[in-house]
Amino acid sequence: MNRNVILTCAITGAGDTAGKNPNVPVTPQQIADDCIAAAKAGASVAHIHVRDPETGGISHSTEHFREVMDRVREADTDIVMNITAGGGGDWIPDAEDPTRGGPGTDIQTPAERHAPVGELLPELCTLDCGSLNFGDMVYVNTADWLREHARLVQAAGVKPELECFDLGHVWFARQLQQEGLLDGDPLFQLCLGIPWGAEADPETMLAMRNKLPDNANWAAFGIGRQQMPMVAQAMLLGGHARVGLEDNLYLSKGVKATNAQLVEKAGTIVENLGGRIMTPAETRAHLKLRDPKTGQIVGGDA
């Protein structure tokens, strides 16, 4: 059991959720405000996507990421920043010509996915460790793309959070480690409940955890109504946890949540199980992350 929990808040995601819950932040200012609110509610890490401020749809704009980062860094509330680098992998075959991407397809090269990370140098960025039937689309991330992307992240000195949506993703992440493309102790995020990846249940989480390298730090999350049960399950199995509106829109049945409320609810679960949420400073020390003020790697365990 892990009694010192790093709690990530996944602020907005890229899915079609803004119309389903008015609390889902869309503009860079709204996203930054929610990062700050999550920090004040006790979150250790803010994981961010950005959206088109006009449509609420997918955006990969470095300038949108920059605005979020600047607003958060200028605030008086500290939080570790984790930028997504997993966008630009959505493939939906065209109905008339399945060799081409149809409406909704959004594909970027590894260099394009990495661009905001390489320029803004957050403490963390995601690295999605394989392809997947993701609902009704395919998320595309080939082995060679992953190797190229891992090299870019490594050269930037940003720690990757290895997002694994199935057991094969854990296997490939271990391969990246064996090939020397991951520095230090790896950080895994076990992503559970996405149709049709790993299921959000104790057996699946345990199976994935048991395949992690011995020196791994890890967290897990479940989507929808499995979000809070997976917080407890991850803590009991020795891991960290993630909540937020990217993965779940409700505080309880029929009650639409805010990010801060989800953080507070997860914090209560952790406390009731006899644990505590790690501060952002403790998180940087535990994971050996770059201090955004000094640019130096923080060493030692919290």
C-alpha atoms as a PDB file:
ATOM      1  CA  MET A   1       0.000   0.000   0.000  1.00  0.00           C
ATOM      2  CA  ASN A   2       1.190   3.485  -0.863  1.00  0.00           C
ATOM      3  CA  ARG A   3       0.518   6.070   1.846  1.00  0.00           C
ATOM      4  CA  ASN A   4       2.182   9.002   0.020  1.00  0.00           C
ATOM      5  CA  VAL A   5       0.154   9.527  -3.123  1.00  0.00           C
ATOM      6  CA  ILE A   6       0.953  11.711  -6.120  1.00  0.00           C
ATOM      7  CA  LEU A   7      -2.447  12.901  -7.316  1.00  0.00           C
ATOM      8  CA  THR A   8      -2.730  14.079 -10.914  1.00  0.00           C
ATOM      9  CA  CYS A   9      -5.666  16.126 -12.156  1.00  0.00           C
ATOM     10  CA  ALA A  10      -6.306  15.660 -15.902  1.00  0.00           C
ATOM     11  CA  ILE A  11      -7.868  19.032 -16.571  1.00  0.00           C
ATOM     12  CA  THR A  12      -9.685  18.902 -19.913  1.00  0.00           C
ATOM     13  CA  GLY A  13      -8.632  16.220 -22.419  1.00  0.00           C
ATOM     14  CA  ALA A  14      -9.480  16.444 -26.103  1.00  0.00           C
ATOM     15  CA  GLY A  15     -12.743  14.533 -26.275  1.00  0.00           C
ATOM     16  CA  ASP A  16     -16.170  15.875 -27.188  1.00  0.00           C
ATOM     17  CA  THR A  17     -17.031  16.659 -23.564  1.00  0.00           C
ATOM     18  CA  ALA A  18     -17.325  20.441 -23.340  1.00  0.00           C
ATOM     19  CA  GLY A  19     -20.989  20.297 -24.363  1.00  0.00           C
ATOM     20  CA  LYS A  20     -21.745  17.602 -21.784  1.00  0.00           C
ATOM     21  CA  ASN A  21     -20.467  19.473 -18.736  1.00  0.00           C
ATOM     22  CA  PRO A  22     -20.180  23.293 -18.703  1.00  0.00           C
ATOM     23  CA  ASN A  23     -17.339  23.002 -16.173  1.00  0.00           C
ATOM     24  CA  VAL A  24     -14.974  21.503 -18.774  1.00  0.00           C
ATOM     25  CA  PRO A  25     -12.442  24.284 -19.454  1.00  0.00           C
ATOM     26  CA  VAL A  26     -11.900  25.297 -23.075  1.00  0.00           C
ATOM     27  CA  THR A  27      -9.864  28.497 -23.388  1.00  0.00           C
ATOM     28  CA  PRO A  28      -6.241  28.709 -22.219  1.00  0.00           C
ATOM     29  CA  GLN A  29      -7.299  31.007 -19.375  1.00  0.00           C
ATOM     30  CA  GLN A  30     -10.025  28.582 -18.265  1.00  0.00           C
ATOM     31  CA  ILE A  31      -7.605  25.657 -18.404  1.00  0.00           C
ATOM     32  CA  ALA A  32      -4.996  27.582 -16.408  1.00  0.00           C
ATOM     33  CA  ASP A  33      -7.601  28.646 -13.864  1.00  0.00           C
ATOM     34  CA  ASP A  34      -8.615  25.018 -13.405  1.00  0.00           C
ATOM     35  CA  CYS A  35      -4.966  23.972 -12.953  1.00  0.00           C
ATOM     36  CA  ILE A  36      -4.700  26.536 -10.162  1.00  0.00           C
ATOM     37  CA  ALA A  37      -8.020  25.482  -8.625  1.00  0.00           C
ATOM     38  CA  ALA A  38      -6.910  21.824  -8.704  1.00  0.00           C
ATOM     39  CA  ALA A  39      -3.651  22.787  -6.994  1.00  0.00           C
ATOM     40  CA  LYS A  40      -5.516  24.655  -4.269  1.00  0.00           C
ATOM     41  CA  ALA A  41      -7.738  21.589  -3.818  1.00  0.00           C
ATOM     42  CA  GLY A  42      -4.602  19.506  -3.227  1.00  0.00           C
ATOM     43  CA  ALA A  43      -3.486  18.098  -6.593  1.00  0.00           C
ATOM     44  CA  SER A  44       0.204  17.352  -7.068  1.00  0.00           C
ATOM     45  CA  VAL A  45       0.238  17.423 -10.890  1.00  0.00           C
ATOM     46  CA  ALA A  46      -1.870  19.054 -13.611  1.00  0.00           C
ATOM     47  CA  HIS A  47      -2.069  17.111 -16.883  1.00  0.00           C
ATOM     48  CA  ILE A  48      -3.187  19.332 -19.743  1.00  0.00           C
ATOM     49  CA  HIS A  49      -4.456  19.238 -23.284  1.00  0.00           C
ATOM     50  CA  VAL A  50      -5.491  22.450 -25.023  1.00  0.00           C
ATOM     51  CA  ARG A  51      -8.562  23.154 -27.127  1.00  0.00           C
ATOM     52  CA  ASP A  52      -9.589  25.511 -29.893  1.00  0.00           C
ATOM     53  CA  PRO A  53     -11.003  28.451 -27.903  1.00  0.00           C
ATOM     54  CA  GLU A  54     -13.712  29.039 -30.518  1.00  0.00           C
ATOM     55  CA  THR A  55     -14.979  25.498 -31.104  1.00  0.00           C
ATOM     56  CA  GLY A  56     -13.832  23.584 -28.021  1.00  0.00           C
ATOM     57  CA  GLY A  57     -12.323  20.993 -30.354  1.00  0.00           C
ATOM     58  CA  ILE A  58      -8.813  19.579 -30.627  1.00  0.00           C
ATOM     59  CA  SER A  59      -5.870  21.968 -30.714  1.00  0.00           C
ATOM     60  CA  HIS A  60      -2.142  21.292 -30.823  1.00  0.00           C
ATOM     61  CA  SER A  61      -1.161  24.962 -30.663  1.00  0.00           C
ATOM     62  CA  THR A  62       2.116  25.604 -28.870  1.00  0.00           C
ATOM     63  CA  GLU A  63       0.886  29.148 -28.174  1.00  0.00           C
ATOM     64  CA  HIS A  64      -2.182  27.826 -26.368  1.00  0.00           C
ATOM     65  CA  PHE A  65       0.040  25.560 -24.270  1.00  0.00           C
ATOM     66  CA  ARG A  66       2.359  28.500 -23.633  1.00  0.00           C
ATOM     67  CA  GLU A  67      -0.463  30.682 -22.366  1.00  0.00           C
ATOM     68  CA  VAL A  68      -1.618  27.971 -19.964  1.00  0.00           C
ATOM     69  CA  MET A  69       1.916  27.365 -18.703  1.00  0.00           C
ATOM     70  CA  ASP A  70       2.648  31.085 -18.257  1.00  0.00           C
ATOM     71  CA  ARG A  71      -0.579  31.741 -16.368  1.00  0.00           C
ATOM     72  CA  VAL A  72      -0.002  28.790 -14.033  1.00  0.00           C
ATOM     73  CA  ARG A  73       3.643  29.648 -13.408  1.00  0.00           C
ATOM     74  CA  GLU A  74       2.742  33.277 -12.630  1.00  0.00           C
ATOM     75  CA  ALA A  75       0.197  32.200 -10.010  1.00  0.00           C
ATOM     76  CA  ASP A  76       1.023  31.932  -6.330  1.00  0.00           C
ATOM     77  CA  THR A  77      -0.038  28.271  -6.193  1.00  0.00           C
ATOM     78  CA  ASP A  78       2.513  25.609  -7.153  1.00  0.00           C
ATOM     79  CA  ILE A  79       1.720  22.498  -9.218  1.00  0.00           C
ATOM     80  CA  VAL A  80       3.775  20.140 -11.399  1.00  0.00           C
ATOM     81  CA  MET A  81       2.887  20.585 -15.082  1.00  0.00           C
ATOM     82  CA  ASN A  82       2.394  17.634 -17.424  1.00  0.00           C
ATOM     83  CA  ILE A  83       1.774  18.447 -21.113  1.00  0.00           C
ATOM     84  CA  THR A  84       0.184  15.858 -23.355  1.00  0.00           C
ATOM     85  CA  ALA A  85       2.347  14.680 -26.240  1.00  0.00           C
ATOM     86  CA  GLY A  86      -0.157  12.028 -27.259  1.00  0.00           C
ATOM     87  CA  GLY A  87      -2.358  14.088 -29.562  1.00  0.00           C
ATOM     88  CA  GLY A  88      -2.419  13.654 -33.303  1.00  0.00           C
ATOM     89  CA  GLY A  89      -2.962   9.898 -33.338  1.00  0.00           C
ATOM     90  CA  ASP A  90      -6.661   9.631 -34.209  1.00  0.00           C
ATOM     91  CA  TRP A  91      -7.472   7.538 -37.308  1.00  0.00           C
ATOM     92  CA  ILE A  92     -10.980   6.999 -38.667  1.00  0.00           C
ATOM     93  CA  PRO A  93     -11.052   5.276 -42.068  1.00  0.00           C
ATOM     94  CA  ASP A  94     -12.957   7.133 -44.765  1.00  0.00           C
ATOM     95  CA  ALA A  95     -16.208   5.329 -45.578  1.00  0.00           C
ATOM     96  CA  GLU A  96     -15.634   5.583 -49.336  1.00  0.00           C
ATOM     97  CA  ASP A  97     -11.872   4.950 -49.354  1.00  0.00           C
ATOM     98  CA  PRO A  98     -10.601   3.187 -46.209  1.00  0.00           C
ATOM     99  CA  THR A  99      -6.976   3.768 -47.260  1.00  0.00           C
ATOM    100  CA  ARG A 100      -7.521   7.418 -46.340  1.00  0.00           C
ATOM    101  CA  GLY A 101      -8.501   9.095 -43.107  1.00  0.00           C
ATOM    102  CA  GLY A 102     -12.084  10.268 -42.939  1.00  0.00           C
ATOM    103  CA  PRO A 103     -13.740  13.022 -40.888  1.00  0.00           C
ATOM    104  CA  GLY A 104     -12.323  13.148 -37.372  1.00  0.00           C
ATOM    105  CA  THR A 105      -8.896  11.841 -38.368  1.00  0.00           C
ATOM    106  CA  ASP A 106      -6.097  13.836 -36.734  1.00  0.00           C
ATOM    107  CA  ILE A 107      -2.565  12.545 -37.335  1.00  0.00           C
ATOM    108  CA  GLN A 108       0.728  14.207 -36.345  1.00  0.00           C
ATOM    109  CA  THR A 109       4.329  13.064 -36.697  1.00  0.00           C
ATOM    110  CA  PRO A 110       6.402  12.447 -33.536  1.00  0.00           C
ATOM    111  CA  ALA A 111       8.203  15.754 -34.104  1.00  0.00           C
ATOM    112  CA  GLU A 112       4.888  17.614 -34.339  1.00  0.00           C
ATOM    113  CA  ARG A 113       3.577  15.920 -31.192  1.00  0.00           C
ATOM    114  CA  HIS A 114       6.760  16.844 -29.363  1.00  0.00           C
ATOM    115  CA  ALA A 115       6.916  20.507 -30.457  1.00  0.00           C
ATOM    116  CA  PRO A 116       5.128  22.102 -27.442  1.00  0.00           C
ATOM    117  CA  VAL A 117       7.093  19.923 -25.019  1.00  0.00           C
ATOM    118  CA  GLY A 118      10.448  20.710 -26.596  1.00  0.00           C
ATOM    119  CA  GLU A 119       9.765  24.430 -26.577  1.00  0.00           C
ATOM    120  CA  LEU A 120       8.070  24.842 -23.185  1.00  0.00           C
ATOM    121  CA  LEU A 121       9.970  22.153 -21.184  1.00  0.00           C
ATOM    122  CA  PRO A 122       7.357  21.117 -18.622  1.00  0.00           C
ATOM    123  CA  GLU A 123       8.393  18.812 -15.809  1.00  0.00           C
ATOM    124  CA  LEU A 124       6.451  15.914 -17.354  1.00  0.00           C
ATOM    125  CA  CYS A 125       4.939  14.936 -20.683  1.00  0.00           C
ATOM    126  CA  THR A 126       2.947  11.905 -21.740  1.00  0.00           C
ATOM    127  CA  LEU A 127       4.247   9.203 -24.066  1.00  0.00           C
ATOM    128  CA  ASP A 128       1.468   6.864 -25.220  1.00  0.00           C
ATOM    129  CA  CYS A 129       3.097   3.455 -25.581  1.00  0.00           C
ATOM    130  CA  GLY A 130       1.281   1.865 -28.504  1.00  0.00           C
ATOM    131  CA  SER A 131      -1.661   1.777 -30.872  1.00  0.00           C
ATOM    132  CA  LEU A 132      -5.180   0.894 -29.751  1.00  0.00           C
ATOM    133  CA  ASN A 133      -8.793   0.435 -30.813  1.00  0.00           C
ATOM    134  CA  PHE A 134      -9.953   3.571 -28.978  1.00  0.00           C
ATOM    135  CA  GLY A 135     -13.734   3.415 -28.995  1.00  0.00           C
ATOM    136  CA  ASP A 136     -14.810   3.660 -32.627  1.00  0.00           C
ATOM    137  CA  MET A 137     -11.484   4.987 -33.891  1.00  0.00           C
ATOM    138  CA  VAL A 138      -7.902   3.727 -33.928  1.00  0.00           C
ATOM    139  CA  TYR A 139      -5.193   5.516 -31.966  1.00  0.00           C
ATOM    140  CA  VAL A 140      -2.022   5.170 -34.056  1.00  0.00           C
ATOM    141  CA  ASN A 141       1.442   5.071 -32.476  1.00  0.00           C
ATOM    142  CA  THR A 142       3.816   2.668 -34.220  1.00  0.00           C
ATOM    143  CA  ALA A 143       6.942   1.239 -32.619  1.00  0.00           C
ATOM    144  CA  ASP A 144       9.304   3.317 -34.758  1.00  0.00           C
ATOM    145  CA  TRP A 145       7.292   6.487 -34.045  1.00  0.00           C
ATOM    146  CA  LEU A 146       7.532   5.743 -30.344  1.00  0.00           C
ATOM    147  CA  ARG A 147      11.285   5.256 -30.485  1.00  0.00           C
ATOM    148  CA  GLU A 148      11.675   8.554 -32.348  1.00  0.00           C
ATOM    149  CA  HIS A 149       9.401  10.339 -29.888  1.00  0.00           C
ATOM    150  CA  ALA A 150      11.191   8.858 -26.859  1.00  0.00           C
ATOM    151  CA  ARG A 151      14.512  10.155 -28.217  1.00  0.00           C
ATOM    152  CA  LEU A 152      13.073  13.661 -28.595  1.00  0.00           C
ATOM    153  CA  VAL A 153      11.703  13.645 -25.044  1.00  0.00           C
ATOM    154  CA  GLN A 154      14.993  12.283 -23.701  1.00  0.00           C
ATOM    155  CA  ALA A 155      17.016  14.975 -25.511  1.00  0.00           C
ATOM    156  CA  ALA A 156      14.738  17.676 -24.066  1.00  0.00           C
ATOM    157  CA  GLY A 157      15.380  16.467 -20.521  1.00  0.00           C
ATOM    158  CA  VAL A 158      11.658  16.114 -19.783  1.00  0.00           C
ATOM    159  CA  LYS A 159      10.493  13.040 -17.888  1.00  0.00           C
ATOM    160  CA  PRO A 160       7.964  10.984 -19.859  1.00  0.00           C
ATOM    161  CA  GLU A 161       4.865   9.605 -18.211  1.00  0.00           C
ATOM    162  CA  LEU A 162       4.417   6.288 -20.011  1.00  0.00           C
ATOM    163  CA  GLU A 163       0.716   5.952 -20.713  1.00  0.00           C
ATOM    164  CA  CYS A 164      -0.250   2.288 -21.103  1.00  0.00           C
ATOM    165  CA  PHE A 165      -3.739   1.345 -22.259  1.00  0.00           C
ATOM    166  CA  ASP A 166      -3.060  -2.393 -22.473  1.00  0.00           C
ATOM    167  CA  LEU A 167      -0.535  -5.030 -21.402  1.00  0.00           C
ATOM    168  CA  GLY A 168       1.322  -4.833 -24.711  1.00  0.00           C
ATOM    169  CA  HIS A 169       1.985  -1.160 -24.056  1.00  0.00           C
ATOM    170  CA  VAL A 170       3.724  -2.058 -20.781  1.00  0.00           C
ATOM    171  CA  TRP A 171       5.790  -4.612 -22.695  1.00  0.00           C
ATOM    172  CA  PHE A 172       6.895  -2.004 -25.249  1.00  0.00           C
ATOM    173  CA  ALA A 173       7.678   0.554 -22.546  1.00  0.00           C
ATOM    174  CA  ARG A 174      10.023  -2.019 -20.983  1.00  0.00           C
ATOM    175  CA  GLN A 175      11.610  -2.381 -24.418  1.00  0.00           C
ATOM    176  CA  LEU A 176      12.212   1.376 -24.573  1.00  0.00           C
ATOM    177  CA  GLN A 177      13.933   1.103 -21.204  1.00  0.00           C
ATOM    178  CA  GLN A 178      16.106  -1.789 -22.393  1.00  0.00           C
ATOM    179  CA  GLU A 179      17.127   0.227 -25.457  1.00  0.00           C
ATOM    180  CA  GLY A 180      18.296   3.115 -23.249  1.00  0.00           C
ATOM    181  CA  LEU A 181      15.559   5.508 -24.374  1.00  0.00           C
ATOM    182  CA  LEU A 182      14.290   6.189 -20.844  1.00  0.00           C
ATOM    183  CA  ASP A 183      16.445   7.880 -18.206  1.00  0.00           C
ATOM    184  CA  GLY A 184      16.188   7.183 -14.489  1.00  0.00           C
ATOM    185  CA  ASP A 185      13.307   5.359 -12.849  1.00  0.00           C
ATOM    186  CA  PRO A 186      10.420   5.152 -15.333  1.00  0.00           C
ATOM    187  CA  LEU A 187       7.016   6.646 -14.556  1.00  0.00           C
ATOM    188  CA  PHE A 188       3.986   4.681 -15.768  1.00  0.00           C
ATOM    189  CA  GLN A 189       0.327   5.683 -16.018  1.00  0.00           C
ATOM    190  CA  LEU A 190      -2.028   2.692 -16.331  1.00  0.00           C
ATOM    191  CA  CYS A 191      -5.047   3.908 -18.306  1.00  0.00           C
ATOM    192  CA  LEU A 192      -8.076   1.753 -17.575  1.00  0.00           C
ATOM    193  CA  GLY A 193     -11.587   1.562 -18.938  1.00  0.00           C
ATOM    194  CA  ILE A 194     -11.069   2.936 -22.466  1.00  0.00           C
ATOM    195  CA  PRO A 195     -13.028   0.798 -24.958  1.00  0.00           C
ATOM    196  CA  TRP A 196     -11.286  -1.414 -26.145  1.00  0.00           C
ATOM    197  CA  GLY A 197      -8.160  -1.400 -24.036  1.00  0.00           C
ATOM    198  CA  ALA A 198      -7.479  -2.591 -20.516  1.00  0.00           C
ATOM    199  CA  GLU A 199     -10.578  -2.900 -18.347  1.00  0.00           C
ATOM    200  CA  ALA A 200     -10.994  -0.844 -15.184  1.00  0.00           C
ATOM    201  CA  ASP A 201     -11.006  -3.597 -12.584  1.00  0.00           C
ATOM    202  CA  PRO A 202      -8.653  -4.871  -9.850  1.00  0.00           C
ATOM    203  CA  GLU A 203      -7.528  -7.934 -11.811  1.00  0.00           C
ATOM    204  CA  THR A 204      -6.423  -5.891 -14.820  1.00  0.00           C
ATOM    205  CA  MET A 205      -4.640  -3.256 -12.742  1.00  0.00           C
ATOM    206  CA  LEU A 206      -2.810  -5.960 -10.803  1.00  0.00           C
ATOM    207  CA  ALA A 207      -1.784  -7.778 -13.987  1.00  0.00           C
ATOM    208  CA  MET A 208      -0.374  -4.584 -15.484  1.00  0.00           C
ATOM    209  CA  ARG A 209       1.348  -3.576 -12.249  1.00  0.00           C
ATOM    210  CA  ASN A 210       2.997  -6.996 -12.028  1.00  0.00           C
ATOM    211  CA  LYS A 211       4.605  -6.463 -15.458  1.00  0.00           C
ATOM    212  CA  LEU A 212       6.237  -3.143 -14.533  1.00  0.00           C
ATOM    213  CA  PRO A 213      10.017  -2.863 -14.096  1.00  0.00           C
ATOM    214  CA  ASP A 214      11.245  -3.191 -10.520  1.00  0.00           C
ATOM    215  CA  ASN A 215      12.342   0.473 -10.413  1.00  0.00           C
ATOM    216  CA  ALA A 216       9.087   1.886 -11.791  1.00  0.00           C
ATOM    217  CA  ASN A 217       6.929   4.575 -10.249  1.00  0.00           C
ATOM    218  CA  TRP A 218       3.347   4.134 -11.364  1.00  0.00           C
ATOM    219  CA  ALA A 219      -0.140   5.549 -11.205  1.00  0.00           C
ATOM    220  CA  ALA A 220      -3.497   4.466 -12.574  1.00  0.00           C
ATOM    221  CA  PHE A 221      -6.873   5.900 -13.465  1.00  0.00           C
ATOM    222  CA  GLY A 222     -10.296   4.680 -14.492  1.00  0.00           C
ATOM    223  CA  ILE A 223     -12.783   6.566 -16.618  1.00  0.00           C
ATOM    224  CA  GLY A 224     -16.381   7.472 -15.791  1.00  0.00           C
ATOM    225  CA  ARG A 225     -17.859   5.883 -12.706  1.00  0.00           C
ATOM    226  CA  GLN A 226     -14.691   3.817 -12.226  1.00  0.00           C
ATOM    227  CA  GLN A 227     -12.609   6.913 -11.504  1.00  0.00           C
ATOM    228  CA  MET A 228     -12.839   6.900  -7.712  1.00  0.00           C
ATOM    229  CA  PRO A 229     -12.729   3.091  -7.258  1.00  0.00           C
ATOM    230  CA  MET A 230      -9.470   3.062  -9.228  1.00  0.00           C
ATOM    231  CA  VAL A 231      -8.032   5.783  -6.939  1.00  0.00           C
ATOM    232  CA  ALA A 232      -8.502   3.449  -3.982  1.00  0.00           C
ATOM    233  CA  GLN A 233      -7.325   0.386  -5.913  1.00  0.00           C
ATOM    234  CA  ALA A 234      -4.132   2.069  -7.124  1.00  0.00           C
ATOM    235  CA  MET A 235      -3.256   3.238  -3.630  1.00  0.00           C
ATOM    236  CA  LEU A 236      -3.868  -0.231  -2.171  1.00  0.00           C
ATOM    237  CA  LEU A 237      -1.598  -1.803  -4.791  1.00  0.00           C
ATOM    238  CA  GLY A 238       1.220   0.652  -4.121  1.00  0.00           C
ATOM    239  CA  GLY A 239       0.614   3.235  -6.830  1.00  0.00           C
ATOM    240  CA  HIS A 240      -0.419   6.823  -7.364  1.00  0.00           C
ATOM    241  CA  ALA A 241      -3.670   8.113  -8.872  1.00  0.00           C
ATOM    242  CA  ARG A 242      -5.312  10.434 -11.384  1.00  0.00           C
ATOM    243  CA  VAL A 243      -8.714  12.108 -11.518  1.00  0.00           C
ATOM    244  CA  GLY A 244     -10.160  15.005 -13.513  1.00  0.00           C
ATOM    245  CA  LEU A 245     -12.671  16.051 -16.146  1.00  0.00           C
ATOM    246  CA  GLU A 246     -10.642  14.495 -18.960  1.00  0.00           C
ATOM    247  CA  ASP A 247     -11.694  11.088 -17.663  1.00  0.00           C
ATOM    248  CA  ASN A 248     -14.971  11.641 -15.793  1.00  0.00           C
ATOM    249  CA  LEU A 249     -17.600  14.380 -15.850  1.00  0.00           C
ATOM    250  CA  TYR A 250     -19.567  13.534 -12.697  1.00  0.00           C
ATOM    251  CA  LEU A 251     -19.072  13.914  -8.985  1.00  0.00           C
ATOM    252  CA  SER A 252     -21.908  11.441  -8.355  1.00  0.00           C
ATOM    253  CA  LYS A 253     -24.785  10.116 -10.431  1.00  0.00           C
ATOM    254  CA  GLY A 254     -26.359  13.064 -12.240  1.00  0.00           C
ATOM    255  CA  VAL A 255     -24.156  15.646 -10.496  1.00  0.00           C
ATOM    256  CA  LYS A 256     -21.716  17.375 -12.848  1.00  0.00           C
ATOM    257  CA  ALA A 257     -18.270  17.865 -11.341  1.00  0.00           C
ATOM    258  CA  THR A 258     -15.541  20.465 -11.385  1.00  0.00           C
ATOM    259  CA  ASN A 259     -11.883  19.491 -11.418  1.00  0.00           C
ATOM    260  CA  ALA A 260     -11.403  20.862  -7.905  1.00  0.00           C
ATOM    261  CA  GLN A 261     -14.303  18.778  -6.598  1.00  0.00           C
ATOM    262  CA  LEU A 262     -12.853  15.590  -8.105  1.00  0.00           C
ATOM    263  CA  VAL A 263      -9.477  16.351  -6.522  1.00  0.00           C
ATOM    264  CA  GLU A 264     -11.108  16.952  -3.146  1.00  0.00           C
ATOM    265  CA  LYS A 265     -13.097  13.708  -3.375  1.00  0.00           C
ATOM    266  CA  ALA A 266      -9.984  11.716  -4.288  1.00  0.00           C
ATOM    267  CA  GLY A 267      -8.077  13.371  -1.461  1.00  0.00           C
ATOM    268  CA  THR A 268     -10.758  12.268   0.987  1.00  0.00           C
ATOM    269  CA  ILE A 269     -10.452   8.679  -0.255  1.00  0.00           C
ATOM    270  CA  VAL A 270      -6.692   8.755   0.211  1.00  0.00           C
ATOM    271  CA  GLU A 271      -7.010  10.230   3.705  1.00  0.00           C
ATOM    272  CA  ASN A 272      -9.689   7.734   4.726  1.00  0.00           C
ATOM    273  CA  LEU A 273      -7.350   4.915   3.710  1.00  0.00           C
ATOM    274  CA  GLY A 274      -4.638   6.351   5.943  1.00  0.00           C
ATOM    275  CA  GLY A 275      -2.610   8.195   3.333  1.00  0.00           C
ATOM    276  CA  ARG A 276      -1.794  11.724   2.234  1.00  0.00           C
ATOM    277  CA  ILE A 277      -1.353  13.618  -1.033  1.00  0.00           C
ATOM    278  CA  MET A 278       2.211  14.623  -1.879  1.00  0.00           C
ATOM    279  CA  THR A 279       2.891  18.305  -2.477  1.00  0.00           C
ATOM    280  CA  PRO A 280       4.230  19.470  -5.844  1.00  0.00           C
ATOM    281  CA  ALA A 281       7.672  20.021  -4.273  1.00  0.00           C
ATOM    282  CA  GLU A 282       7.655  16.520  -2.805  1.00  0.00           C
ATOM    283  CA  THR A 283       6.553  15.154  -6.172  1.00  0.00           C
ATOM    284  CA  ARG A 284       9.474  16.797  -7.967  1.00  0.00           C
ATOM    285  CA  ALA A 285      11.911  15.366  -5.419  1.00  0.00           C
ATOM    286  CA  HIS A 286      10.373  11.886  -5.515  1.00  0.00           C
ATOM    287  CA  LEU A 287      10.349  11.685  -9.325  1.00  0.00           C
ATOM    288  CA  LYS A 288      13.577  13.703  -9.786  1.00  0.00           C
ATOM    289  CA  LEU A 289      11.973  16.353 -11.977  1.00  0.00           C
ATOM    290  CA  ARG A 290      13.260  19.687 -13.198  1.00  0.00           C
ATOM    291  CA  ASP A 291      12.523  22.623 -10.894  1.00  0.00           C
ATOM    292  CA  PRO A 292      10.764  25.206 -13.123  1.00  0.00           C
ATOM    293  CA  LYS A 293      12.331  28.090 -11.185  1.00  0.00           C
ATOM    294  CA  THR A 294      15.965  26.960 -11.316  1.00  0.00           C
ATOM    295  CA  GLY A 295      15.964  24.562 -14.256  1.00  0.00           C
ATOM    296  CA  GLN A 296      17.857  22.042 -12.120  1.00  0.00           C
ATOM    297  CA  ILE A 297      16.823  18.435 -11.468  1.00  0.00           C
ATOM    298  CA  VAL A 298      15.555  17.944  -7.927  1.00  0.00           C
ATOM    299  CA  GLY A 299      17.148  14.876  -6.329  1.00  0.00           C
ATOM    300  CA  GLY A 300      16.361  12.504  -3.495  1.00  0.00           C
ATOM    301  CA  ASP A 301      13.127  11.027  -2.181  1.00  0.00           C
ATOM    302  CA  ALA A 302      10.479  13.106  -0.484  1.00  0.00           C
END
